Protein backbone atom coordinates (compact mmCIF):
# COMPACT_ATOMS: atom_id res chain seq x y z
CA MET A 1 -40.35 27.89 -14.03
CA ARG A 2 -42.23 24.67 -13.32
CA ILE A 3 -40.42 21.33 -13.27
CA LEU A 4 -42.18 19.36 -15.96
CA ASN A 5 -41.06 15.82 -15.11
CA GLU A 6 -42.18 15.75 -11.47
CA PRO A 7 -45.64 14.69 -10.27
CA VAL A 8 -47.75 17.62 -9.17
CA LEU A 9 -50.64 15.34 -8.18
CA ILE A 10 -50.43 11.82 -6.73
CA VAL A 11 -53.68 9.97 -5.98
CA LYS A 12 -53.37 6.75 -3.95
CA ASP A 13 -56.24 4.31 -3.38
CA LEU A 14 -58.90 7.01 -3.58
CA ARG A 15 -62.32 5.94 -2.35
CA THR A 16 -65.42 8.12 -2.22
CA TYR A 17 -68.55 6.81 -0.53
CA PHE A 18 -72.07 8.14 0.00
CA ASP A 19 -74.07 6.90 2.99
CA ILE A 20 -77.79 6.88 2.21
CA ALA A 21 -80.79 5.23 3.85
CA GLU A 22 -80.50 2.11 1.67
CA GLY A 23 -76.80 1.60 2.36
CA THR A 24 -73.41 2.81 1.10
CA VAL A 25 -72.87 3.88 -2.50
CA LYS A 26 -69.24 3.21 -3.40
CA ALA A 27 -68.96 5.76 -6.18
CA VAL A 28 -65.16 5.57 -6.35
CA ASN A 29 -63.43 2.40 -5.22
CA GLY A 30 -59.63 2.36 -5.32
CA VAL A 31 -58.26 4.82 -7.92
CA SER A 32 -54.53 5.58 -8.13
CA PHE A 33 -52.58 7.73 -10.59
CA GLU A 34 -49.83 10.31 -10.92
CA LEU A 35 -49.96 13.50 -12.98
CA ASN A 36 -46.85 15.43 -14.04
CA MET A 37 -46.67 19.09 -14.94
CA ASN A 38 -47.62 19.82 -18.56
CA GLU A 39 -49.15 16.34 -18.89
CA ALA A 40 -52.70 15.59 -20.03
CA LEU A 41 -54.61 12.67 -18.51
CA GLY A 42 -57.78 11.46 -20.20
CA VAL A 43 -60.33 9.78 -17.90
CA VAL A 44 -62.86 7.70 -19.86
CA GLY A 45 -65.79 5.44 -19.10
CA GLU A 46 -69.55 5.15 -19.34
CA THR A 47 -71.95 7.43 -17.47
CA GLY A 48 -71.84 6.47 -13.80
CA SER A 49 -68.33 5.03 -13.94
CA GLY A 50 -67.05 7.46 -11.29
CA LYS A 51 -65.08 9.87 -13.51
CA SER A 52 -66.59 13.11 -12.25
CA VAL A 53 -66.81 12.00 -8.61
CA THR A 54 -63.10 11.12 -8.70
CA MET A 55 -62.15 14.61 -9.85
CA LYS A 56 -64.65 16.33 -7.56
CA SER A 57 -62.91 14.47 -4.74
CA VAL A 58 -59.61 15.94 -5.89
CA MET A 59 -61.27 19.38 -5.97
CA GLY A 60 -62.66 19.03 -2.43
CA MET A 61 -66.23 19.24 -3.72
CA ILE A 62 -67.68 16.18 -1.95
CA ARG A 63 -70.40 17.15 0.52
CA LYS A 64 -72.43 15.09 2.99
CA PRO A 65 -73.65 12.39 2.78
CA GLY A 66 -70.48 11.86 0.70
CA TYR A 67 -67.06 11.37 2.30
CA ILE A 68 -63.53 10.11 1.62
CA PRO A 69 -62.65 7.30 4.07
CA GLU A 70 -59.33 6.94 5.90
CA GLY A 71 -56.48 5.55 3.80
CA SER A 72 -57.21 7.58 0.67
CA GLN A 73 -54.48 10.04 -0.31
CA ILE A 74 -54.66 13.02 -2.67
CA LEU A 75 -51.12 14.41 -2.59
CA PHE A 76 -50.63 17.82 -4.16
CA LYS A 77 -47.31 19.65 -4.53
CA THR A 78 -46.82 23.41 -4.49
CA ASN A 79 -44.20 25.63 -2.83
CA GLU A 80 -46.85 27.84 -1.23
CA PHE A 81 -47.46 25.50 1.69
CA SER A 82 -43.88 25.15 2.94
CA LYS A 83 -42.42 27.71 5.35
CA ASP A 84 -38.88 27.44 3.97
CA GLY A 85 -39.88 27.80 0.31
CA SER A 86 -39.16 24.17 -0.59
CA LYS A 87 -41.78 22.04 -2.29
CA GLU A 88 -43.69 19.44 -0.34
CA TYR A 89 -46.82 17.38 -0.79
CA ILE A 90 -49.96 17.99 1.23
CA ASN A 91 -52.81 15.50 1.49
CA LEU A 92 -55.88 17.29 0.14
CA ALA A 93 -58.12 14.51 1.49
CA LYS A 94 -57.43 15.79 5.02
CA LEU A 95 -58.05 19.51 4.37
CA SER A 96 -61.06 21.28 5.85
CA THR A 97 -63.64 22.91 3.58
CA LYS A 98 -62.32 26.36 4.56
CA ALA A 99 -58.69 25.42 3.84
CA PHE A 100 -59.66 24.07 0.44
CA THR A 101 -61.02 27.45 -0.69
CA ARG A 102 -57.41 28.61 -0.99
CA ILE A 103 -56.59 25.65 -3.22
CA ARG A 104 -59.64 25.58 -5.49
CA GLY A 105 -59.33 28.16 -8.22
CA LYS A 106 -55.78 29.27 -7.44
CA HIS A 107 -53.94 25.94 -7.62
CA ILE A 108 -56.53 23.60 -9.13
CA GLY A 109 -58.97 24.98 -11.69
CA MET A 110 -62.03 23.29 -13.15
CA VAL A 111 -63.99 23.68 -16.38
CA PHE A 112 -67.50 22.25 -16.12
CA GLN A 113 -69.73 20.70 -18.77
CA ASP A 114 -72.42 23.42 -18.87
CA PRO A 115 -70.92 26.93 -19.20
CA MET A 116 -74.25 28.66 -18.56
CA ALA A 117 -74.66 26.89 -15.24
CA SER A 118 -71.09 27.83 -14.26
CA LEU A 119 -71.61 31.58 -14.75
CA ASN A 120 -73.85 33.70 -12.55
CA PRO A 121 -76.42 35.35 -14.87
CA MET A 122 -76.86 38.27 -12.45
CA TYR A 123 -73.25 39.48 -12.75
CA THR A 124 -71.14 40.65 -15.66
CA VAL A 125 -68.15 38.67 -16.88
CA ALA A 126 -65.90 41.40 -15.45
CA ASP A 127 -67.44 41.03 -11.99
CA GLN A 128 -66.95 37.27 -11.94
CA MET A 129 -63.40 37.27 -13.31
CA ILE A 130 -62.15 40.14 -11.18
CA GLU A 131 -63.60 38.60 -8.01
CA THR A 132 -61.67 35.37 -8.64
CA ILE A 133 -58.39 37.13 -9.37
CA VAL A 134 -58.57 39.53 -6.41
CA TYR A 135 -59.54 36.73 -3.98
CA HIS A 136 -56.53 34.59 -4.83
CA GLN A 137 -53.89 37.18 -5.77
CA ASN A 138 -52.55 40.33 -4.16
CA VAL A 139 -53.52 42.74 -6.95
CA SER A 140 -55.67 45.86 -7.29
CA LEU A 141 -59.04 45.96 -9.06
CA GLU A 142 -57.43 47.74 -12.01
CA GLU A 143 -54.69 45.10 -12.31
CA ALA A 144 -57.27 42.33 -12.03
CA ARG A 145 -59.34 43.87 -14.83
CA GLU A 146 -56.29 44.10 -17.09
CA ARG A 147 -55.47 40.46 -16.34
CA ALA A 148 -59.05 39.45 -17.15
CA ILE A 149 -59.01 41.26 -20.51
CA GLU A 150 -55.63 39.69 -21.34
CA LEU A 151 -56.96 36.19 -20.61
CA LEU A 152 -60.20 36.70 -22.54
CA THR A 153 -58.14 37.82 -25.52
CA LYS A 154 -55.85 34.81 -25.15
CA VAL A 155 -58.78 32.36 -25.22
CA GLY A 156 -60.03 33.94 -28.44
CA LEU A 157 -62.97 36.07 -27.28
CA PRO A 158 -63.49 38.85 -29.89
CA ASN A 159 -63.40 42.46 -28.64
CA ALA A 160 -62.61 41.35 -25.10
CA LYS A 161 -61.98 44.88 -23.84
CA GLU A 162 -65.46 46.03 -24.88
CA ARG A 163 -67.35 42.81 -24.06
CA ILE A 164 -65.96 42.12 -20.60
CA ASP A 165 -68.81 44.15 -19.07
CA ASP A 166 -71.51 42.08 -20.83
CA TYR A 167 -73.67 39.49 -19.06
CA PRO A 168 -73.38 35.72 -19.73
CA PHE A 169 -76.63 35.55 -21.71
CA GLN A 170 -75.16 37.94 -24.27
CA PHE A 171 -72.59 35.34 -25.36
CA SER A 172 -72.94 32.16 -27.42
CA GLY A 173 -72.31 28.71 -25.91
CA GLY A 174 -68.80 28.51 -27.34
CA GLN A 175 -67.96 32.02 -26.10
CA ARG A 176 -69.23 31.20 -22.61
CA GLN A 177 -67.02 28.12 -22.52
CA ARG A 178 -64.04 30.27 -23.50
CA ILE A 179 -64.89 32.61 -20.62
CA ILE A 180 -65.01 29.68 -18.18
CA ILE A 181 -61.60 28.50 -19.42
CA ALA A 182 -60.23 32.03 -18.95
CA ILE A 183 -61.58 32.16 -15.37
CA SER A 184 -60.07 28.73 -14.63
CA LEU A 185 -56.66 29.90 -15.85
CA SER A 186 -56.84 33.35 -14.26
CA CYS A 187 -54.59 32.35 -11.34
CA ASN A 188 -52.29 30.15 -13.44
CA PRO A 189 -53.17 26.89 -11.61
CA GLU A 190 -50.84 23.89 -11.51
CA VAL A 191 -53.72 21.55 -12.45
CA LEU A 192 -56.76 22.15 -14.66
CA ILE A 193 -59.64 19.65 -14.59
CA ALA A 194 -62.04 19.72 -17.55
CA ASP A 195 -65.29 17.78 -17.06
CA GLU A 196 -66.63 17.10 -20.58
CA PRO A 197 -66.33 20.80 -21.51
CA THR A 198 -67.37 20.31 -25.15
CA THR A 199 -70.48 18.13 -24.64
CA ALA A 200 -72.95 21.03 -24.87
CA LEU A 201 -71.30 22.51 -27.98
CA ASP A 202 -71.72 21.76 -31.67
CA VAL A 203 -69.04 19.76 -33.47
CA THR A 204 -67.29 22.72 -35.09
CA ILE A 205 -67.01 24.61 -31.80
CA GLN A 206 -65.88 21.43 -30.02
CA ALA A 207 -62.84 21.19 -32.28
CA GLN A 208 -61.97 24.84 -31.62
CA ILE A 209 -62.23 24.44 -27.84
CA LEU A 210 -60.06 21.29 -27.88
CA GLU A 211 -57.39 23.04 -29.93
CA LEU A 212 -57.57 26.02 -27.60
CA MET A 213 -57.09 23.86 -24.51
CA LYS A 214 -54.08 22.10 -26.02
CA ASP A 215 -52.48 25.46 -26.81
CA LEU A 216 -53.22 26.87 -23.37
CA GLN A 217 -51.84 23.80 -21.62
CA ARG A 218 -48.57 24.23 -23.49
CA ASP A 219 -48.40 28.00 -22.89
CA PHE A 220 -49.26 27.83 -19.16
CA GLU A 221 -47.33 24.56 -18.53
CA THR A 222 -50.43 23.29 -16.74
CA ALA A 223 -51.20 19.66 -15.95
CA MET A 224 -54.65 18.78 -17.25
CA VAL A 225 -57.23 16.11 -16.52
CA TYR A 226 -59.83 15.68 -19.25
CA ILE A 227 -62.99 13.77 -18.29
CA THR A 228 -64.95 12.39 -21.22
CA HIS A 229 -66.88 9.43 -22.60
CA ASP A 230 -65.63 10.25 -26.11
CA LEU A 231 -62.52 8.25 -27.00
CA SER A 232 -61.92 10.34 -30.12
CA VAL A 233 -61.41 13.35 -27.83
CA VAL A 234 -58.93 11.36 -25.74
CA ALA A 235 -56.92 10.46 -28.84
CA GLU A 236 -56.73 14.15 -29.70
CA ILE A 237 -55.71 15.65 -26.38
CA ALA A 238 -54.36 13.09 -23.86
CA ASP A 239 -50.84 11.85 -23.13
CA LYS A 240 -52.10 8.95 -21.03
CA VAL A 241 -55.52 7.42 -20.40
CA MET A 242 -57.29 6.01 -17.35
CA VAL A 243 -60.26 3.73 -18.08
CA MET A 244 -62.91 3.57 -15.35
CA TYR A 245 -65.94 1.35 -14.85
CA GLY A 246 -68.23 0.96 -11.85
CA GLY A 247 -66.18 3.42 -9.79
CA THR A 248 -63.05 1.36 -10.40
CA GLN A 249 -59.84 1.98 -12.33
CA MET A 250 -59.67 -0.83 -14.92
CA GLU A 251 -56.67 0.10 -17.05
CA MET A 252 -54.17 2.92 -17.44
CA ALA A 253 -51.42 3.49 -19.99
CA ASP A 254 -50.16 6.02 -22.49
CA VAL A 255 -52.64 6.96 -25.17
CA TYR A 256 -50.88 4.94 -27.90
CA THR A 257 -50.96 1.73 -25.84
CA ILE A 258 -54.65 2.15 -24.99
CA PHE A 259 -55.58 2.41 -28.67
CA ASP A 260 -53.04 -0.05 -30.15
CA ASN A 261 -52.66 -2.70 -27.42
CA PRO A 262 -55.48 -2.49 -24.87
CA MET A 263 -55.60 -5.44 -22.49
CA HIS A 264 -58.74 -5.07 -20.38
CA PRO A 265 -61.94 -6.54 -21.89
CA TYR A 266 -63.81 -3.34 -21.01
CA THR A 267 -61.28 -1.18 -22.87
CA HIS A 268 -61.69 -3.48 -25.89
CA ALA A 269 -65.46 -3.14 -25.61
CA LEU A 270 -65.27 0.66 -25.52
CA LEU A 271 -63.05 0.74 -28.58
CA SER A 272 -65.41 -1.61 -30.42
CA CYS A 273 -68.25 0.87 -29.89
CA ILE A 274 -66.65 3.64 -31.93
CA PRO A 275 -65.97 3.81 -35.69
CA ARG A 276 -62.28 3.81 -36.64
CA HIS A 277 -60.81 4.49 -40.06
CA ASP A 278 -57.94 2.04 -39.45
CA LEU A 279 -60.24 -0.94 -38.81
CA LYS A 280 -62.70 -2.48 -41.27
CA LYS A 281 -65.96 -3.45 -39.57
CA ASP A 282 -69.39 -4.21 -40.99
CA GLU A 283 -71.08 -2.95 -37.82
CA LEU A 284 -70.23 -1.57 -34.39
CA GLU A 285 -70.36 -3.85 -31.35
CA PRO A 286 -72.41 -2.51 -28.41
CA ILE A 287 -71.62 -3.62 -24.85
CA LYS A 288 -74.36 -5.98 -23.76
CA GLY A 289 -75.99 -5.51 -20.36
CA GLN A 290 -76.23 -2.52 -18.04
CA PRO A 291 -73.72 -0.67 -15.81
CA PRO A 292 -73.67 -1.82 -12.17
CA ILE A 293 -75.55 -0.26 -9.29
CA MET A 294 -72.88 0.85 -6.83
CA LEU A 295 -75.08 0.47 -3.73
CA ASN A 296 -73.35 -2.06 -1.46
CA PRO A 297 -71.54 -3.76 -4.39
CA PRO A 298 -69.88 -7.16 -3.82
CA PRO A 299 -66.04 -7.18 -3.62
CA LEU A 300 -65.71 -8.42 -7.19
CA CYS A 301 -64.87 -6.89 -10.56
CA PRO A 302 -67.83 -4.60 -11.47
CA PHE A 303 -67.53 -5.59 -15.15
CA LEU A 304 -68.03 -9.29 -14.29
CA PRO A 305 -71.72 -9.58 -15.39
CA ARG A 306 -70.93 -8.10 -18.82
CA CYS A 307 -67.46 -9.53 -19.40
CA PRO A 308 -67.07 -12.12 -22.20
CA ARG A 309 -63.76 -13.34 -20.70
CA ALA A 310 -64.94 -13.91 -17.11
CA THR A 311 -63.74 -17.12 -15.39
CA GLU A 312 -64.60 -18.89 -12.14
CA ARG A 313 -61.77 -17.00 -10.46
CA CYS A 314 -63.49 -13.71 -11.34
CA LYS A 315 -66.55 -14.83 -9.38
CA LYS A 316 -64.52 -15.36 -6.22
CA GLU A 317 -61.70 -12.81 -6.10
CA TRP A 318 -61.15 -9.09 -6.52
CA PRO A 319 -58.32 -8.40 -9.03
CA GLU A 320 -55.65 -6.00 -7.81
CA LEU A 321 -54.28 -3.22 -9.98
CA GLN A 322 -50.94 -4.46 -11.40
CA GLU A 323 -48.24 -3.05 -13.63
CA VAL A 324 -48.16 -5.58 -16.46
CA GLU A 325 -45.72 -3.57 -18.55
CA LYS A 326 -43.80 -0.38 -17.79
CA GLY A 327 -46.37 2.34 -17.26
CA HIS A 328 -49.26 0.00 -18.12
CA LEU A 329 -51.59 -0.70 -15.18
CA LEU A 330 -54.29 -3.36 -15.39
CA ARG A 331 -56.98 -4.80 -13.11
CA CYS A 332 -57.95 -8.15 -14.67
CA PHE A 333 -57.35 -11.89 -14.18
CA ASN A 334 -57.90 -12.80 -17.84
CA PRO A 335 -56.73 -9.97 -20.10
CA VAL A 336 -56.39 -9.97 -23.86
CA LEU A 337 -52.74 -10.30 -24.83
CA ASN A 338 -51.18 -7.51 -26.77
CA LYS A 339 -50.53 -7.91 -30.48
CA LYS A 340 -46.94 -9.00 -29.90
CA GLY A 341 -48.08 -11.91 -27.72
CA LYS A 342 -45.87 -10.66 -24.91
CA LYS A 343 -46.34 -12.39 -21.56
CA VAL A 344 -47.68 -10.17 -18.82
CA ASN A 345 -47.38 -10.38 -15.02
CA ASP A 346 -47.01 -13.88 -13.52
CA GLY A 347 -50.02 -13.23 -11.30
CA VAL A 348 -52.29 -12.69 -14.31
CA GLU A 349 -53.77 -15.51 -16.33
CA MET A 350 -52.97 -15.54 -20.02
CA GLY A 351 -55.63 -14.47 -22.48
CA LYS A 352 -55.89 -15.15 -26.18
CA LEU A 353 -54.38 -13.01 -28.88
CA GLU A 354 -56.73 -10.54 -30.49
CA ASP A 355 -56.25 -12.28 -33.85
CA ASP A 356 -57.11 -15.71 -32.37
CA LYS A 357 -60.59 -14.81 -31.26
């Protein structure tokens, strides 16, 4: 039985850089969060904000010229790594590529955006599922096949026993995504990372896959990270939300706080870009300007050129990530106050109330 209220994953000051001929691309620049068992974290932001690179770093999927510099910590807890059977954290950022092959798939699973690209078209579904199960678990081929059929049935694939020997091209997009989810859960991982798994699917199938993932998270007691640019998806599936921009963590809080009382100007801008039934607006408000180029960026807030609340201080200093309320992290010198007008951290300048703008 997994302990649901303890962190299974603790990320501290994660940085991921890529050295290229023109300089250093700082794709991820100081991300910190904790993830408990059976908890869903939604990671949101525009394309290029560093969402996928952050989670690929957690998965040990960064290859040269990319690297994680000293000081970054990706602490993962499982009882498999301790000799006496007690649980302890290991720093995944220090593991070799070979050592990580025992983590990836068995302890941390991943569902990618394009299911067709994730499945080998030359092998049957049975071949690919059984290989994963046998590699990570001490079971026979027959037991692995039974486990695969059981999982395919659980994710809602019709006639799983008969269709397990079919090839990926014989399935629809939604069915292939269900197969990928089944493979990711085949070893009952502690953490499941889903990188925009519904983007390539039509709206009806998207809703089915989201409902399926919520049910599976509850049944398997798995912690889940859901990467998306769609805030409506976050509202549906996440317990807490991390907002990223320019490789940087801008704000993090529970899902209700992010939607009801967001404090970072970028979070406000994201919410203004989507239609909401609880707000009356004549038109949506796009974010003016373009996302930053992360090649040798200055040590300043990456949202500075597009921020309507920027001050002179923003042009000189880098704002630290602070806890402005319990469980509410913010990186901003001039945030928007929450609706209650509550004062935030003494080190943060006061912004105006939403209703006063």
